[in-house]
Amino acid sequence: MDTIVEIHVPLREAPGTPEGSSAFPWIDQVEDFLAEQEVAEVHDEGEEYGEAYVFFITGAAEEDLLAVASRVTTVPGIPSGVFAVVTNDEAEEIGRGRRVELPLG
């Protein structure tokens, strides 16, 4: 059973987004950021879930995955209120697991 960390980012438009462009440019920025991380792997494509966009990472120890998730909060334009959910690859639903507030202290 592999540990999965879900990174829940509130779906809020980036301030000053030009008309006709993506209201959530931070989604692509976070995807790029996660793809560059050597300690974690992207588990699945991100997806909208309720009022959040959720990214999934795996491939490392829980503390390493949470450190990567915490660094997501430093991506330019990312909304506040980001949190992680620690779960596993057998979870049948998003958001079922232990919630961890981000960034880590």
N, C-alpha and C. Protein backbone atom coordinates (compact mmCIF):
# COMPACT_ATOMS: atom_id res chain seq x y z
N MET A 1 0.85 -1.17 0.00
CA MET A 1 0.00 0.00 0.00
C MET A 1 0.90 1.24 0.00
N ASP A 2 0.76 2.07 -1.02
CA ASP A 2 1.57 3.27 -1.15
C ASP A 2 0.90 4.48 -0.51
N THR A 3 1.71 5.31 0.14
CA THR A 3 1.20 6.56 0.71
C THR A 3 0.97 7.56 -0.41
N ILE A 4 -0.18 8.21 -0.34
CA ILE A 4 -0.52 9.29 -1.27
C ILE A 4 -0.76 10.54 -0.44
N VAL A 5 -0.25 11.66 -0.90
CA VAL A 5 -0.59 12.94 -0.28
C VAL A 5 -1.36 13.74 -1.32
N GLU A 6 -2.57 14.10 -0.93
CA GLU A 6 -3.41 14.95 -1.76
C GLU A 6 -3.15 16.40 -1.34
N ILE A 7 -2.95 17.26 -2.29
CA ILE A 7 -2.73 18.67 -2.00
C ILE A 7 -3.97 19.42 -2.48
N HIS A 8 -4.74 19.94 -1.54
CA HIS A 8 -6.00 20.62 -1.83
C HIS A 8 -5.77 22.13 -1.87
N VAL A 9 -5.99 22.73 -3.04
CA VAL A 9 -5.81 24.17 -3.22
C VAL A 9 -7.17 24.79 -3.53
N PRO A 10 -7.59 25.78 -2.73
CA PRO A 10 -8.88 26.41 -3.00
C PRO A 10 -8.95 26.97 -4.42
N LEU A 11 -10.06 26.73 -5.08
CA LEU A 11 -10.25 27.21 -6.46
C LEU A 11 -10.64 28.68 -6.42
N ARG A 12 -9.63 29.53 -6.30
CA ARG A 12 -9.83 30.97 -6.33
C ARG A 12 -9.05 31.54 -7.50
N GLU A 13 -9.70 32.46 -8.20
CA GLU A 13 -9.04 33.08 -9.35
C GLU A 13 -7.82 33.87 -8.88
N ALA A 14 -6.80 33.85 -9.71
CA ALA A 14 -5.61 34.64 -9.42
C ALA A 14 -5.94 36.12 -9.64
N PRO A 15 -5.58 36.99 -8.70
CA PRO A 15 -5.87 38.41 -8.87
C PRO A 15 -5.17 38.98 -10.10
N GLY A 16 -5.86 39.86 -10.81
CA GLY A 16 -5.26 40.51 -11.97
C GLY A 16 -5.14 39.64 -13.19
N THR A 17 -5.90 38.55 -13.26
CA THR A 17 -5.84 37.66 -14.41
C THR A 17 -6.45 38.37 -15.62
N PRO A 18 -5.71 38.49 -16.72
CA PRO A 18 -6.24 39.15 -17.91
C PRO A 18 -7.45 38.40 -18.47
N GLU A 19 -8.41 39.17 -18.97
CA GLU A 19 -9.60 38.55 -19.55
C GLU A 19 -9.20 37.66 -20.72
N GLY A 20 -9.84 36.50 -20.81
CA GLY A 20 -9.55 35.57 -21.89
C GLY A 20 -8.46 34.57 -21.56
N SER A 21 -7.77 34.75 -20.42
CA SER A 21 -6.74 33.78 -20.04
C SER A 21 -7.28 32.91 -18.90
N SER A 22 -6.54 31.90 -18.54
CA SER A 22 -6.96 30.99 -17.48
C SER A 22 -7.16 31.74 -16.17
N ALA A 23 -8.27 31.46 -15.52
CA ALA A 23 -8.54 32.09 -14.22
C ALA A 23 -7.66 31.48 -13.13
N PHE A 24 -7.09 30.32 -13.42
CA PHE A 24 -6.29 29.60 -12.44
C PHE A 24 -4.91 29.26 -13.00
N PRO A 25 -4.09 30.26 -13.34
CA PRO A 25 -2.78 29.94 -13.93
C PRO A 25 -1.88 29.17 -12.97
N TRP A 26 -2.17 29.24 -11.70
CA TRP A 26 -1.36 28.54 -10.70
C TRP A 26 -1.46 27.03 -10.85
N ILE A 27 -2.53 26.51 -11.49
CA ILE A 27 -2.64 25.06 -11.67
C ILE A 27 -1.47 24.54 -12.51
N ASP A 28 -1.20 25.19 -13.63
CA ASP A 28 -0.07 24.78 -14.48
C ASP A 28 1.25 24.97 -13.74
N GLN A 29 1.36 26.04 -12.97
CA GLN A 29 2.60 26.30 -12.24
C GLN A 29 2.85 25.20 -11.19
N VAL A 30 1.79 24.78 -10.50
CA VAL A 30 1.96 23.72 -9.50
C VAL A 30 2.30 22.41 -10.20
N GLU A 31 1.64 22.11 -11.32
CA GLU A 31 1.96 20.87 -12.05
C GLU A 31 3.42 20.86 -12.47
N ASP A 32 3.92 21.99 -12.98
CA ASP A 32 5.34 22.09 -13.36
C ASP A 32 6.24 21.91 -12.14
N PHE A 33 5.88 22.56 -11.05
CA PHE A 33 6.66 22.45 -9.81
C PHE A 33 6.75 21.00 -9.36
N LEU A 34 5.61 20.31 -9.33
CA LEU A 34 5.60 18.91 -8.88
C LEU A 34 6.38 18.00 -9.82
N ALA A 35 6.34 18.28 -11.11
CA ALA A 35 7.07 17.46 -12.08
C ALA A 35 8.59 17.59 -11.88
N GLU A 36 9.03 18.71 -11.31
CA GLU A 36 10.45 18.95 -11.10
C GLU A 36 10.98 18.34 -9.80
N GLN A 37 10.09 17.89 -8.93
CA GLN A 37 10.51 17.36 -7.63
C GLN A 37 11.09 15.96 -7.80
N GLU A 38 12.30 15.77 -7.30
CA GLU A 38 12.95 14.47 -7.43
C GLU A 38 12.50 13.50 -6.35
N VAL A 39 12.08 14.00 -5.21
CA VAL A 39 11.74 13.13 -4.09
C VAL A 39 10.33 12.56 -4.21
N ALA A 40 9.46 13.19 -5.00
CA ALA A 40 8.06 12.75 -5.10
C ALA A 40 7.68 12.55 -6.55
N GLU A 41 6.69 11.70 -6.75
CA GLU A 41 6.16 11.45 -8.09
C GLU A 41 4.71 11.91 -8.13
N VAL A 42 4.30 12.44 -9.29
CA VAL A 42 2.89 12.77 -9.46
C VAL A 42 2.16 11.44 -9.62
N HIS A 43 1.17 11.21 -8.76
CA HIS A 43 0.44 9.94 -8.76
C HIS A 43 -0.63 9.90 -9.84
N ASP A 44 -1.30 10.98 -10.05
CA ASP A 44 -2.41 11.03 -10.99
C ASP A 44 -2.59 12.48 -11.39
N GLU A 45 -3.34 12.70 -12.46
CA GLU A 45 -3.61 14.08 -12.86
C GLU A 45 -4.45 14.77 -11.80
N GLY A 46 -4.20 16.05 -11.61
CA GLY A 46 -5.00 16.81 -10.68
C GLY A 46 -6.43 16.92 -11.18
N GLU A 47 -7.32 17.24 -10.25
CA GLU A 47 -8.72 17.37 -10.64
C GLU A 47 -9.47 18.28 -9.68
N GLU A 48 -10.55 18.87 -10.20
CA GLU A 48 -11.42 19.67 -9.36
C GLU A 48 -12.19 18.74 -8.44
N TYR A 49 -12.30 19.16 -7.19
CA TYR A 49 -13.05 18.39 -6.21
C TYR A 49 -13.70 19.40 -5.28
N GLY A 50 -15.01 19.55 -5.41
CA GLY A 50 -15.71 20.56 -4.61
C GLY A 50 -15.19 21.94 -4.97
N GLU A 51 -14.77 22.67 -3.96
CA GLU A 51 -14.26 24.03 -4.17
C GLU A 51 -12.74 24.08 -4.16
N ALA A 52 -12.12 22.96 -4.51
CA ALA A 52 -10.66 22.88 -4.52
C ALA A 52 -10.17 22.19 -5.78
N TYR A 53 -8.90 22.41 -6.09
CA TYR A 53 -8.21 21.64 -7.12
C TYR A 53 -7.23 20.77 -6.35
N VAL A 54 -7.24 19.47 -6.63
CA VAL A 54 -6.44 18.52 -5.86
C VAL A 54 -5.34 17.92 -6.73
N PHE A 55 -4.12 17.96 -6.21
CA PHE A 55 -2.95 17.35 -6.82
C PHE A 55 -2.59 16.13 -5.98
N PHE A 56 -2.02 15.10 -6.61
CA PHE A 56 -1.71 13.85 -5.92
C PHE A 56 -0.23 13.52 -6.09
N ILE A 57 0.47 13.27 -4.98
CA ILE A 57 1.88 12.87 -5.06
C ILE A 57 2.12 11.61 -4.24
N THR A 58 3.14 10.86 -4.63
CA THR A 58 3.49 9.59 -3.97
C THR A 58 4.98 9.32 -4.21
N GLY A 59 5.43 8.13 -3.85
CA GLY A 59 6.79 7.69 -4.18
C GLY A 59 7.86 8.02 -3.16
N ALA A 60 7.45 8.43 -1.96
CA ALA A 60 8.43 8.76 -0.93
C ALA A 60 7.78 8.55 0.43
N ALA A 61 8.57 8.74 1.47
CA ALA A 61 8.06 8.66 2.84
C ALA A 61 7.09 9.82 3.08
N GLU A 62 6.16 9.59 3.99
CA GLU A 62 5.14 10.60 4.29
C GLU A 62 5.74 11.98 4.59
N GLU A 63 6.78 12.02 5.41
CA GLU A 63 7.36 13.32 5.77
C GLU A 63 7.96 14.04 4.57
N ASP A 64 8.54 13.30 3.63
CA ASP A 64 9.07 13.91 2.42
C ASP A 64 7.95 14.43 1.52
N LEU A 65 6.87 13.65 1.41
CA LEU A 65 5.73 14.08 0.60
C LEU A 65 5.10 15.33 1.19
N LEU A 66 4.98 15.38 2.52
CA LEU A 66 4.41 16.56 3.15
C LEU A 66 5.32 17.77 3.00
N ALA A 67 6.63 17.57 2.97
CA ALA A 67 7.55 18.68 2.74
C ALA A 67 7.35 19.26 1.34
N VAL A 68 7.18 18.39 0.35
CA VAL A 68 6.91 18.85 -1.02
C VAL A 68 5.57 19.59 -1.04
N ALA A 69 4.56 19.02 -0.42
CA ALA A 69 3.25 19.67 -0.37
C ALA A 69 3.34 21.04 0.28
N SER A 70 4.13 21.15 1.32
CA SER A 70 4.31 22.44 2.00
C SER A 70 4.94 23.46 1.07
N ARG A 71 5.91 23.03 0.27
CA ARG A 71 6.57 23.95 -0.67
C ARG A 71 5.64 24.42 -1.78
N VAL A 72 4.57 23.67 -2.05
CA VAL A 72 3.59 24.10 -3.06
C VAL A 72 3.02 25.46 -2.67
N THR A 73 2.90 25.72 -1.36
CA THR A 73 2.32 26.99 -0.91
C THR A 73 3.17 28.19 -1.30
N THR A 74 4.41 27.96 -1.73
CA THR A 74 5.30 29.06 -2.12
C THR A 74 5.24 29.36 -3.62
N VAL A 75 4.48 28.56 -4.37
CA VAL A 75 4.34 28.81 -5.81
C VAL A 75 3.65 30.16 -6.00
N PRO A 76 4.21 31.04 -6.83
CA PRO A 76 3.60 32.36 -7.02
C PRO A 76 2.13 32.27 -7.46
N GLY A 77 1.29 33.08 -6.82
CA GLY A 77 -0.11 33.15 -7.19
C GLY A 77 -1.00 32.10 -6.55
N ILE A 78 -0.41 31.19 -5.78
CA ILE A 78 -1.22 30.13 -5.16
C ILE A 78 -2.12 30.76 -4.09
N PRO A 79 -3.39 30.39 -4.07
CA PRO A 79 -4.29 30.95 -3.04
C PRO A 79 -3.92 30.45 -1.65
N SER A 80 -4.33 31.17 -0.64
CA SER A 80 -4.12 30.71 0.73
C SER A 80 -5.17 29.65 1.06
N GLY A 81 -4.94 28.92 2.13
CA GLY A 81 -5.88 27.90 2.56
C GLY A 81 -5.57 26.51 2.05
N VAL A 82 -4.34 26.30 1.58
CA VAL A 82 -3.92 25.00 1.07
C VAL A 82 -3.76 24.02 2.24
N PHE A 83 -4.21 22.79 2.03
CA PHE A 83 -3.98 21.75 3.03
C PHE A 83 -3.72 20.43 2.30
N ALA A 84 -3.18 19.47 3.05
CA ALA A 84 -2.89 18.15 2.50
C ALA A 84 -3.77 17.12 3.21
N VAL A 85 -4.00 16.01 2.52
CA VAL A 85 -4.65 14.86 3.12
C VAL A 85 -3.74 13.66 2.88
N VAL A 86 -3.34 13.00 3.96
CA VAL A 86 -2.49 11.81 3.86
C VAL A 86 -3.41 10.61 3.75
N THR A 87 -3.24 9.84 2.69
CA THR A 87 -4.10 8.70 2.43
C THR A 87 -3.25 7.59 1.80
N ASN A 88 -3.87 6.67 1.09
CA ASN A 88 -3.11 5.62 0.42
C ASN A 88 -3.77 5.29 -0.91
N ASP A 89 -3.10 4.45 -1.69
CA ASP A 89 -3.57 4.14 -3.04
C ASP A 89 -4.81 3.25 -3.07
N GLU A 90 -5.28 2.82 -1.89
CA GLU A 90 -6.50 2.02 -1.84
C GLU A 90 -7.73 2.84 -1.47
N ALA A 91 -7.54 4.12 -1.19
CA ALA A 91 -8.67 4.99 -0.85
C ALA A 91 -9.59 5.11 -2.05
N GLU A 92 -10.88 5.00 -1.79
CA GLU A 92 -11.84 5.04 -2.87
C GLU A 92 -12.35 6.44 -3.16
N GLU A 93 -12.12 7.38 -2.24
CA GLU A 93 -12.60 8.74 -2.42
C GLU A 93 -11.50 9.74 -2.07
N ILE A 94 -11.60 10.89 -2.70
CA ILE A 94 -10.69 11.99 -2.39
C ILE A 94 -11.06 12.54 -1.01
N GLY A 95 -10.05 12.97 -0.27
CA GLY A 95 -10.28 13.63 1.00
C GLY A 95 -10.49 12.71 2.19
N ARG A 96 -10.31 11.42 2.00
CA ARG A 96 -10.46 10.45 3.10
C ARG A 96 -9.09 10.14 3.66
N GLY A 97 -8.76 10.73 4.78
CA GLY A 97 -7.46 10.51 5.39
C GLY A 97 -7.21 11.58 6.44
N ARG A 98 -5.98 11.69 6.84
CA ARG A 98 -5.58 12.65 7.88
C ARG A 98 -5.26 13.99 7.24
N ARG A 99 -5.93 15.04 7.71
CA ARG A 99 -5.73 16.39 7.18
C ARG A 99 -4.53 17.03 7.85
N VAL A 100 -3.69 17.71 7.04
CA VAL A 100 -2.51 18.41 7.53
C VAL A 100 -2.53 19.83 6.97
N GLU A 101 -2.53 20.80 7.85
CA GLU A 101 -2.53 22.21 7.42
C GLU A 101 -1.16 22.57 6.83
N LEU A 102 -1.18 23.35 5.77
CA LEU A 102 0.04 23.78 5.09
C LEU A 102 0.10 25.30 5.08
N PRO A 103 1.29 25.90 5.09
CA PRO A 103 2.59 25.23 5.12
C PRO A 103 2.89 24.66 6.50
N LEU A 104 3.80 23.70 6.51
CA LEU A 104 4.23 23.11 7.76
C LEU A 104 5.00 24.13 8.57
N GLY A 105 4.89 24.03 9.88
CA GLY A 105 5.53 24.98 10.78
C GLY A 105 6.95 24.75 10.88
